[in-house]
Amino acid sequence: RSAAAEPAADRTIDRSAPPLRFVWRTDADGKFSALSPEFADIVGKPAADVIGRRFKDVATTFGLDATGEIAGLLERRDTWSGRSVLWPVAGTDLKIPVDLAALPVYGRSRAFEGFRGFGVARAGDAVVDPEAIGMALVPNGGSPAASEPAVKEPVAEAPKPVDPFKGEVPALTIVPKPERRFADKVIRLAEHRQPANDKGLSTLERSAFREIGERLKKDSSG
């Protein structure tokens, strides 16, 4: 039975693919409000179906954040980085390491509006999930193999919908530390952003990016 699942996993995961940088957002209630469409290209739409759901609920369903550490960081409404989870890949018995970082966003009246998050998905470091959560993430009970074309075909349509990130490209720099496991690697926000990427950002958001860049730089050097 496990052998039957392996071909589907091989077709879904490209282990030679470079790490994928993506962005995500949560609202004031802790619910996901946006997620880069490229993330679904790697884990499959069922595994990326998180919009409108609280991180804590997604973590419970997908087997993320067993200790509740990230959920706790989100509740504290402070900048955080260097956290990793193993995210299930739909239609397979695999999970891929996903490194996460985020900064809180406040409105003009200092009202908390949620988090702007960043991530790096590492398909090349996929590992076998003993619980095979991804095998249950298949639309309409279809087979893993049949779900694969549905995941990859819509790639060309991704730019069409309204882009909640306004064309923003995640400015993340991965700091390699060979002596550490992937879970201990620190994600640093690049301090300098290309002018083109700033066009869709408000003055407040640009200031927030500079702030998280400085904080994460201190965290990684400390």
Protein backbone atom coordinates (compact mmCIF):
# COMPACT_ATOMS: atom_id res chain seq x y z
CA ARG A 1 0.00 0.00 0.00
CA SER A 2 2.77 2.39 0.86
CA ALA A 3 4.43 1.61 -2.45
CA ALA A 4 1.30 2.79 -4.26
CA ALA A 5 1.57 6.15 -2.52
CA GLU A 6 5.22 6.67 -3.43
CA PRO A 7 4.76 7.33 -7.17
CA ALA A 8 2.25 10.09 -6.40
CA ALA A 9 4.68 11.61 -3.90
CA ASP A 10 7.47 11.55 -6.48
CA ARG A 11 5.30 13.38 -9.02
CA THR A 12 4.24 15.98 -6.50
CA ILE A 13 7.56 16.84 -4.88
CA ASP A 14 10.43 18.26 -6.92
CA ARG A 15 13.38 17.67 -4.63
CA SER A 16 15.67 19.65 -6.92
CA ALA A 17 13.53 22.78 -6.60
CA PRO A 18 15.11 25.72 -4.75
CA PRO A 19 13.48 27.00 -1.54
CA LEU A 20 10.31 29.00 -2.26
CA ARG A 21 9.86 32.37 -0.58
CA PHE A 22 6.26 33.38 0.07
CA VAL A 23 4.20 35.82 2.12
CA TRP A 24 1.09 35.45 4.25
CA ARG A 25 -1.17 37.56 6.43
CA THR A 26 -3.50 37.12 9.38
CA ASP A 27 -6.20 39.50 10.57
CA ALA A 28 -6.80 40.86 14.06
CA ASP A 29 -8.63 37.65 15.01
CA GLY A 30 -5.68 35.46 14.06
CA LYS A 31 -7.31 34.15 10.87
CA PHE A 32 -5.34 33.81 7.64
CA SER A 33 -6.41 36.60 5.27
CA ALA A 34 -3.89 36.09 2.44
CA LEU A 35 -1.31 33.58 1.22
CA SER A 36 0.97 33.63 -1.83
CA PRO A 37 -0.55 31.38 -4.54
CA GLU A 38 2.89 29.89 -5.18
CA PHE A 39 2.68 28.09 -1.85
CA ALA A 40 -0.27 26.04 -3.14
CA ASP A 41 1.81 25.05 -6.17
CA ILE A 42 4.11 23.15 -3.81
CA VAL A 43 1.83 21.69 -1.14
CA GLY A 44 -1.35 21.43 -3.22
CA LYS A 45 -4.53 23.50 -2.92
CA PRO A 46 -6.13 21.34 -0.19
CA ALA A 47 -3.04 21.81 2.00
CA ALA A 48 -3.00 25.56 1.32
CA ASP A 49 -6.71 26.07 2.01
CA VAL A 50 -6.22 28.22 5.10
CA ILE A 51 -7.92 31.53 4.28
CA GLY A 52 -10.48 32.42 6.94
CA ARG A 53 -9.10 29.85 9.38
CA ARG A 54 -7.18 30.59 12.58
CA PHE A 55 -3.55 29.51 12.71
CA LYS A 56 -4.25 27.45 15.81
CA ASP A 57 -6.98 25.50 13.98
CA VAL A 58 -4.81 24.96 10.91
CA ALA A 59 -1.97 23.78 13.15
CA THR A 60 -4.25 21.24 14.81
CA THR A 61 -5.55 19.90 11.48
CA PHE A 62 -2.17 19.69 9.75
CA GLY A 63 -0.09 18.62 12.73
CA LEU A 64 1.89 21.87 12.95
CA ASP A 65 3.19 23.59 16.07
CA ALA A 66 2.65 20.67 18.46
CA THR A 67 4.01 22.69 21.40
CA GLY A 68 1.83 25.71 20.65
CA GLU A 69 4.90 27.96 20.51
CA ILE A 70 3.97 29.80 17.30
CA ALA A 71 0.35 30.24 18.42
CA GLY A 72 1.72 31.81 21.59
CA LEU A 73 3.94 34.18 19.60
CA LEU A 74 0.96 35.29 17.52
CA GLU A 75 -1.03 36.01 20.68
CA ARG A 76 1.79 38.20 22.04
CA ARG A 77 1.60 40.44 18.95
CA ASP A 78 5.35 40.92 18.68
CA THR A 79 7.91 40.36 15.93
CA TRP A 80 9.22 36.81 15.74
CA SER A 81 11.36 34.67 13.43
CA GLY A 82 13.38 31.48 13.17
CA ARG A 83 10.45 29.08 13.64
CA SER A 84 9.91 26.04 11.43
CA VAL A 85 7.04 23.61 10.92
CA LEU A 86 6.55 20.50 8.81
CA TRP A 87 3.70 21.18 6.38
CA PRO A 88 1.79 18.27 4.77
CA VAL A 89 1.74 17.90 0.98
CA ALA A 90 -1.72 17.04 -0.38
CA GLY A 91 -2.03 13.58 -1.89
CA THR A 92 1.25 12.29 -0.45
CA ASP A 93 2.65 10.86 2.77
CA LEU A 94 5.22 13.67 2.90
CA LYS A 95 5.73 16.93 4.78
CA ILE A 96 8.09 19.74 3.85
CA PRO A 97 9.97 22.08 6.21
CA VAL A 98 8.54 25.61 6.19
CA ASP A 99 10.48 28.38 7.96
CA LEU A 100 8.34 31.24 9.26
CA ALA A 101 8.73 34.83 10.49
CA ALA A 102 6.24 37.63 11.06
CA LEU A 103 5.74 41.18 12.30
CA PRO A 104 2.61 42.74 13.80
CA VAL A 105 0.76 45.41 11.84
CA TYR A 106 -0.92 48.36 13.58
CA GLY A 107 -3.29 50.95 12.14
CA ARG A 108 -3.15 54.73 12.51
CA SER A 109 -4.78 54.56 15.93
CA ARG A 110 -2.35 51.82 17.00
CA ALA A 111 -5.13 49.27 16.72
CA PHE A 112 -3.76 45.79 16.05
CA GLU A 113 -4.66 44.67 12.51
CA GLY A 114 -2.92 41.30 12.38
CA PHE A 115 0.40 39.94 11.18
CA ARG A 116 2.34 40.26 7.96
CA GLY A 117 4.27 37.02 7.63
CA PHE A 118 7.05 35.59 5.54
CA GLY A 119 8.04 32.02 4.83
CA VAL A 120 10.45 29.72 3.03
CA ALA A 121 9.14 26.33 1.85
CA ARG A 122 11.85 23.68 1.32
CA ALA A 123 10.49 20.98 -0.98
CA GLY A 124 13.97 19.54 -1.37
CA ASP A 125 14.02 18.58 2.31
CA ALA A 126 10.70 16.70 2.30
CA VAL A 127 10.37 13.96 4.91
CA VAL A 128 7.98 11.05 5.33
CA ASP A 129 5.04 11.81 7.61
CA PRO A 130 4.24 8.76 9.81
CA GLU A 131 0.64 9.98 10.07
CA ALA A 132 0.40 10.57 6.29
CA ILE A 133 -1.86 13.59 6.84
CA GLY A 134 -1.42 14.66 3.23
CA MET A 135 -3.07 11.45 1.98
CA ALA A 136 -6.37 12.65 3.46
CA LEU A 137 -6.06 16.04 1.75
CA VAL A 138 -7.48 14.92 -1.60
CA PRO A 139 -10.57 16.71 -3.02
CA ASN A 140 -13.75 14.63 -3.24
CA GLY A 141 -11.99 11.47 -2.11
CA GLY A 142 -10.06 11.21 -5.37
CA SER A 143 -6.76 9.41 -5.69
CA PRO A 144 -3.49 11.27 -5.02
CA ALA A 145 -2.34 10.75 -8.60
CA ALA A 146 -5.53 12.25 -10.03
CA SER A 147 -5.22 15.38 -7.89
CA GLU A 148 -1.79 16.31 -9.25
CA PRO A 149 -2.86 17.96 -12.56
CA ALA A 150 -5.41 20.10 -10.70
CA VAL A 151 -2.62 21.44 -8.52
CA LYS A 152 -0.24 22.40 -11.30
CA GLU A 153 -2.49 23.57 -14.14
CA PRO A 154 -3.80 26.83 -12.60
CA VAL A 155 -0.28 28.30 -12.19
CA ALA A 156 -0.72 30.62 -15.20
CA GLU A 157 -3.95 31.99 -13.72
CA ALA A 158 -2.41 33.03 -10.40
CA PRO A 159 -1.59 36.66 -11.42
CA LYS A 160 -5.21 37.30 -12.52
CA PRO A 161 -6.96 37.52 -9.09
CA VAL A 162 -6.65 40.61 -6.93
CA ASP A 163 -3.21 40.51 -5.34
CA PRO A 164 -3.52 41.35 -1.61
CA PHE A 165 0.25 41.90 -1.53
CA LYS A 166 0.17 44.49 -4.35
CA GLY A 167 2.97 42.84 -6.28
CA GLU A 168 5.23 42.59 -3.26
CA VAL A 169 8.04 40.06 -3.41
CA PRO A 170 9.16 38.61 -0.06
CA ALA A 171 12.55 40.10 0.75
CA LEU A 172 13.96 37.26 2.79
CA THR A 173 17.54 36.20 3.11
CA ILE A 174 18.16 32.65 4.33
CA VAL A 175 21.10 32.52 6.69
CA PRO A 176 22.70 29.07 6.28
CA LYS A 177 24.08 27.43 9.42
CA PRO A 178 25.44 23.99 8.39
CA GLU A 179 25.94 22.90 11.97
CA ARG A 180 22.28 23.41 12.80
CA ARG A 181 19.15 21.59 11.81
CA PHE A 182 16.71 23.39 9.50
CA ALA A 183 14.50 24.11 12.53
CA ASP A 184 17.26 26.25 14.02
CA LYS A 185 17.98 28.31 10.92
CA VAL A 186 17.13 31.97 11.17
CA ILE A 187 15.25 33.82 8.48
CA ARG A 188 16.46 37.39 8.11
CA LEU A 189 14.46 40.07 6.40
CA ALA A 190 16.57 41.86 3.80
CA GLU A 191 17.29 45.42 4.91
CA HIS A 192 17.22 46.94 1.45
CA ARG A 193 14.21 46.50 -0.80
CA GLN A 194 14.04 47.31 -4.49
CA PRO A 195 12.15 50.57 -5.17
CA ALA A 196 9.71 48.73 -7.45
CA ASN A 197 8.57 46.59 -4.56
CA ASP A 198 7.83 49.60 -2.39
CA LYS A 199 5.31 51.15 -4.77
CA GLY A 200 2.40 49.20 -3.29
CA LEU A 201 3.42 49.79 0.32
CA SER A 202 2.33 52.58 2.61
CA THR A 203 4.81 54.65 4.59
CA LEU A 204 3.76 52.73 7.71
CA GLU A 205 4.42 49.38 6.03
CA ARG A 206 7.83 50.46 4.75
CA SER A 207 8.71 51.55 8.26
CA ALA A 208 7.54 48.19 9.61
CA PHE A 209 9.72 46.32 7.12
CA ARG A 210 12.78 48.30 8.19
CA GLU A 211 11.94 47.58 11.82
CA ILE A 212 11.66 43.82 11.38
CA GLY A 213 14.84 43.82 9.32
CA GLU A 214 16.76 45.44 12.16
CA ARG A 215 15.22 43.16 14.81
CA LEU A 216 15.90 39.97 12.89
CA LYS A 217 19.46 41.06 12.19
CA LYS A 218 20.03 41.49 15.92
CA ASP A 219 18.39 38.11 16.63
CA SER A 220 20.63 36.29 14.16
CA SER A 221 23.84 37.90 15.40
CA GLY A 222 23.02 37.44 19.06
